[in-house]
Amino acid sequence: MTRALYSLCGADERRFFSPHCWKAVMALAHKGLDFEEIPTTYARIRAIGGGVSSIVPVLDDNGRLIPDSFDIALYLEEAYPERPSLFNGEGGKALSRMVEGYSQMIIHPAIMRIALLDIHANLDEEDKAYFRQSREARLGKPLEVVAAGSEAEKAAFGAKLEPLRHMLKFQPFIGGQTPLFADYIVFGALQWLRVSAGLAMLAAADPVMLWFERCLDLHQSRGRTVTAA
């Protein structure tokens, strides 16, 4: 069986940074499925499957193309029910949607403001122009103006993780005693920050960092390395 995941990369094709692609990587590893990760710049996305998606990740599972990280997780759950569950039922899907909202509305904007110029610097030349134009249109300001507040964002970042920190007092993963897709949603966000700008703003003994390290270690035994930075 041929299985491939198209993942966003910078000028260095070994440097995968998209939080959504990391979610899909972890979901595939959770299911114990082999796959090839295909480095994809912004400029190459529309060539996937004749233009099946304007975003990545895109999973090609033996010719079936599935875009969007959450849809990929739902597909994997349905297509491979005999393998470890990503949701453990409808409640886990609802939990994951809530966590997705928290991550994308609270964590992602902070990371963008912290790592904006780092992300831009790591892109190839063609992607730099696209990234600047699209992000400045979205943010309503030049990248450099947004990035001027990055130190303040770093100082405030830890507080945005307090809901996760509170939960970790009671259980080792968002999913309980073992991880679910909800864990991979927040992991993807922090891996995006780690790969782009580092996690120096979080102390080594922070419960969130300890949880993050547990997530990094999850799938090493299956031969899938998730620690690339």
Protein backbone atom coordinates (compact mmCIF):
# COMPACT_ATOMS: atom_id res chain seq x y z
CA MET A 1 0.00 0.00 0.00
CA THR A 2 1.24 3.48 -0.86
CA ARG A 3 0.55 6.13 1.78
CA ALA A 4 1.92 9.67 1.63
CA LEU A 5 1.47 12.82 3.67
CA TYR A 6 2.12 16.17 2.04
CA SER A 7 3.56 18.42 4.76
CA LEU A 8 4.58 22.07 4.74
CA CYS A 9 8.30 22.77 4.73
CA GLY A 10 10.62 25.76 4.49
CA ALA A 11 13.67 26.24 2.29
CA ASP A 12 15.19 23.29 4.20
CA GLU A 13 12.98 20.38 3.15
CA ARG A 14 13.82 18.56 6.38
CA ARG A 15 12.24 21.35 8.41
CA PHE A 16 8.51 20.68 8.77
CA PHE A 17 6.82 23.42 10.76
CA SER A 18 3.05 23.44 10.22
CA PRO A 19 1.04 22.68 13.38
CA HIS A 20 -1.66 21.04 11.28
CA CYS A 21 0.82 18.76 9.52
CA TRP A 22 2.28 17.73 12.88
CA LYS A 23 -1.22 16.77 14.02
CA ALA A 24 -1.54 14.48 11.01
CA VAL A 25 1.94 13.00 11.58
CA MET A 26 1.03 12.15 15.16
CA ALA A 27 -2.35 10.72 14.15
CA LEU A 28 -0.72 8.38 11.63
CA ALA A 29 1.90 7.35 14.18
CA HIS A 30 -0.82 6.76 16.78
CA LYS A 31 -2.50 4.39 14.35
CA GLY A 32 0.84 2.68 13.67
CA LEU A 33 0.59 3.35 9.93
CA ASP A 34 3.63 3.62 7.68
CA PHE A 35 3.79 6.64 5.39
CA GLU A 36 6.13 8.80 3.37
CA GLU A 37 6.23 12.48 4.29
CA ILE A 38 6.51 14.64 1.18
CA PRO A 39 8.07 18.11 1.69
CA THR A 40 5.72 20.71 0.24
CA THR A 41 6.27 24.46 0.01
CA TYR A 42 3.34 26.88 -0.19
CA ALA A 43 3.96 27.20 -3.93
CA ARG A 44 3.64 23.45 -4.48
CA ILE A 45 0.37 22.90 -2.61
CA ARG A 46 -1.96 23.49 -5.55
CA ALA A 47 -0.15 20.84 -7.58
CA ILE A 48 -1.24 18.10 -5.16
CA GLY A 49 -3.79 15.86 -6.80
CA GLY A 50 -4.54 18.37 -9.51
CA GLY A 51 -5.51 21.07 -7.02
CA VAL A 52 -7.49 19.06 -4.47
CA SER A 53 -6.66 21.52 -1.70
CA SER A 54 -5.25 24.99 -1.06
CA ILE A 55 -3.85 23.86 2.29
CA VAL A 56 -1.79 21.04 3.76
CA PRO A 57 -1.67 18.48 5.18
CA VAL A 58 -3.08 16.28 2.46
CA LEU A 59 -3.07 12.53 3.01
CA ASP A 60 -2.85 10.26 -0.02
CA ASP A 61 -3.97 6.84 1.18
CA ASN A 62 -3.47 4.56 -1.80
CA GLY A 63 -4.99 7.10 -4.17
CA ARG A 64 -7.64 8.53 -1.85
CA LEU A 65 -6.85 12.18 -1.08
CA ILE A 66 -7.93 13.70 2.23
CA PRO A 67 -7.06 17.33 3.08
CA ASP A 68 -7.29 19.00 6.53
CA SER A 69 -5.79 17.53 9.70
CA PHE A 70 -9.08 16.96 11.53
CA ASP A 71 -10.65 15.32 8.48
CA ILE A 72 -7.56 13.12 8.19
CA ALA A 73 -8.00 12.01 11.81
CA LEU A 74 -11.69 11.26 11.22
CA TYR A 75 -10.80 9.31 8.08
CA LEU A 76 -8.12 7.27 9.85
CA GLU A 77 -10.56 6.44 12.65
CA GLU A 78 -13.11 5.15 10.17
CA ALA A 79 -10.70 3.43 7.77
CA TYR A 80 -8.60 1.70 10.44
CA PRO A 81 -11.00 0.89 13.33
CA GLU A 82 -8.91 -2.10 14.44
CA ARG A 83 -5.97 0.17 15.31
CA PRO A 84 -5.67 2.38 18.43
CA SER A 85 -8.47 4.93 18.55
CA LEU A 86 -7.81 8.64 18.12
CA PHE A 87 -11.07 9.62 19.84
CA ASN A 88 -12.44 6.73 21.91
CA GLY A 89 -15.95 7.54 20.75
CA GLU A 90 -18.11 10.57 20.07
CA GLY A 91 -17.12 12.23 23.34
CA GLY A 92 -13.51 12.27 22.20
CA LYS A 93 -14.49 13.92 18.94
CA ALA A 94 -16.39 16.62 20.82
CA LEU A 95 -13.42 17.10 23.18
CA SER A 96 -11.11 17.44 20.19
CA ARG A 97 -13.29 20.12 18.61
CA MET A 98 -13.20 22.12 21.84
CA VAL A 99 -9.42 21.73 22.12
CA GLU A 100 -9.08 22.71 18.46
CA GLY A 101 -10.94 25.94 19.20
CA TYR A 102 -8.77 26.70 22.23
CA SER A 103 -5.59 25.99 20.27
CA GLN A 104 -6.48 27.96 17.16
CA MET A 105 -8.11 30.93 18.90
CA ILE A 106 -5.74 31.36 21.86
CA ILE A 107 -2.43 29.57 21.23
CA HIS A 108 -1.98 29.98 17.47
CA PRO A 109 -2.33 33.79 17.36
CA ALA A 110 0.25 34.14 20.13
CA ILE A 111 2.68 31.83 18.33
CA MET A 112 2.21 33.74 15.09
CA ARG A 113 3.12 36.99 16.83
CA ILE A 114 6.15 35.37 18.50
CA ALA A 115 7.52 33.46 15.50
CA LEU A 116 6.36 35.54 12.53
CA LEU A 117 9.78 36.69 11.34
CA ASP A 118 11.40 33.33 12.15
CA ILE A 119 8.86 31.56 9.95
CA HIS A 120 9.40 34.08 7.14
CA ALA A 121 13.19 33.70 7.36
CA ASN A 122 12.99 29.91 7.01
CA LEU A 123 10.93 29.95 3.79
CA ASP A 124 12.32 29.73 0.28
CA GLU A 125 12.34 32.94 -1.74
CA GLU A 126 9.13 32.26 -3.66
CA ASP A 127 7.23 31.44 -0.48
CA LYS A 128 8.56 34.52 1.35
CA ALA A 129 6.69 36.85 -0.99
CA TYR A 130 3.45 34.87 -0.63
CA PHE A 131 3.78 34.64 3.15
CA ARG A 132 4.40 38.37 3.55
CA GLN A 133 1.51 39.37 1.31
CA SER A 134 -1.02 36.95 2.79
CA ARG A 135 -0.09 37.51 6.45
CA GLU A 136 0.09 41.27 6.16
CA ALA A 137 -3.36 41.25 4.55
CA ARG A 138 -4.65 39.06 7.39
CA LEU A 139 -2.98 41.03 10.19
CA GLY A 140 -3.45 44.47 8.71
CA LYS A 141 0.15 45.44 9.47
CA PRO A 142 3.67 44.84 8.15
CA LEU A 143 5.31 41.73 9.58
CA GLU A 144 7.93 43.82 11.35
CA VAL A 145 5.31 45.89 13.16
CA VAL A 146 3.57 42.77 14.46
CA ALA A 147 6.88 41.17 15.42
CA ALA A 148 7.91 44.25 17.43
CA GLY A 149 5.73 42.93 20.25
CA SER A 150 7.24 39.43 20.24
CA GLU A 151 9.07 39.78 23.57
CA ALA A 152 5.88 40.80 25.33
CA GLU A 153 4.10 37.87 23.69
CA LYS A 154 6.80 35.50 24.93
CA ALA A 155 6.40 36.83 28.46
CA ALA A 156 2.63 36.33 28.31
CA PHE A 157 2.67 32.98 26.52
CA GLY A 158 2.84 30.73 29.57
CA ALA A 159 -0.41 32.13 30.96
CA LYS A 160 -2.24 31.08 27.80
CA LEU A 161 -1.41 27.46 28.64
CA GLU A 162 -2.91 27.60 32.13
CA PRO A 163 -6.01 25.52 31.18
CA LEU A 164 -3.68 22.72 30.04
CA ARG A 165 -1.50 23.12 33.14
CA HIS A 166 -4.59 22.82 35.35
CA MET A 167 -5.74 19.64 33.59
CA LEU A 168 -2.31 18.04 33.95
CA LYS A 169 -2.72 18.09 37.73
CA PHE A 170 -5.19 15.24 37.31
CA GLN A 171 -4.00 13.18 34.33
CA PRO A 172 -0.92 12.75 32.15
CA PHE A 173 -2.63 13.52 28.81
CA ILE A 174 -5.59 15.51 27.56
CA GLY A 175 -7.07 12.15 26.59
CA GLY A 176 -6.65 10.79 30.13
CA GLN A 177 -4.12 8.10 30.94
CA THR A 178 -3.22 7.77 27.26
CA PRO A 179 -3.17 10.38 24.47
CA LEU A 180 -5.92 11.07 21.97
CA PHE A 181 -6.12 13.35 18.95
CA ALA A 182 -6.91 16.22 21.34
CA ASP A 183 -3.33 15.92 22.64
CA TYR A 184 -1.92 16.09 19.14
CA ILE A 185 -3.79 19.32 18.44
CA VAL A 186 -1.97 21.23 21.18
CA PHE A 187 1.24 19.30 20.58
CA GLY A 188 1.16 20.45 16.95
CA ALA A 189 0.92 24.07 18.05
CA LEU A 190 3.86 23.81 20.45
CA GLN A 191 5.93 21.84 17.94
CA TRP A 192 5.29 24.64 15.44
CA LEU A 193 6.69 27.11 17.97
CA ARG A 194 9.60 24.81 18.88
CA VAL A 195 10.67 24.29 15.27
CA SER A 196 10.21 27.95 14.34
CA ALA A 197 11.47 29.90 17.35
CA GLY A 198 12.13 27.54 20.29
CA LEU A 199 10.39 26.99 23.62
CA ALA A 200 12.77 28.91 25.87
CA MET A 201 9.83 30.83 27.37
CA LEU A 202 8.68 27.62 29.12
CA ALA A 203 10.68 26.22 32.05
CA ALA A 204 11.92 22.63 31.85
CA ALA A 205 9.91 21.72 34.96
CA ASP A 206 6.70 23.31 33.67
CA PRO A 207 3.98 20.61 33.58
CA VAL A 208 3.24 21.64 30.00
CA MET A 209 6.85 20.99 28.99
CA LEU A 210 6.81 17.61 30.74
CA TRP A 211 3.60 16.73 28.87
CA PHE A 212 5.15 17.97 25.60
CA GLU A 213 8.20 15.75 26.14
CA ARG A 214 5.93 12.77 26.80
CA CYS A 215 4.26 13.47 23.46
CA LEU A 216 7.64 13.67 21.72
CA ASP A 217 8.53 10.25 23.11
CA LEU A 218 5.25 8.54 22.29
CA HIS A 219 5.96 6.90 18.95
CA GLN A 220 9.72 6.32 18.95
CA SER A 221 9.19 2.58 19.37
CA ARG A 222 7.22 2.50 16.11
CA GLY A 223 10.18 3.89 14.19
CA ARG A 224 8.57 7.28 13.54
CA THR A 225 10.76 10.18 14.61
CA VAL A 226 8.75 13.21 15.74
CA THR A 227 11.56 15.19 17.29
CA ALA A 228 12.85 16.89 14.13
CA ALA A 229 13.61 20.55 14.65
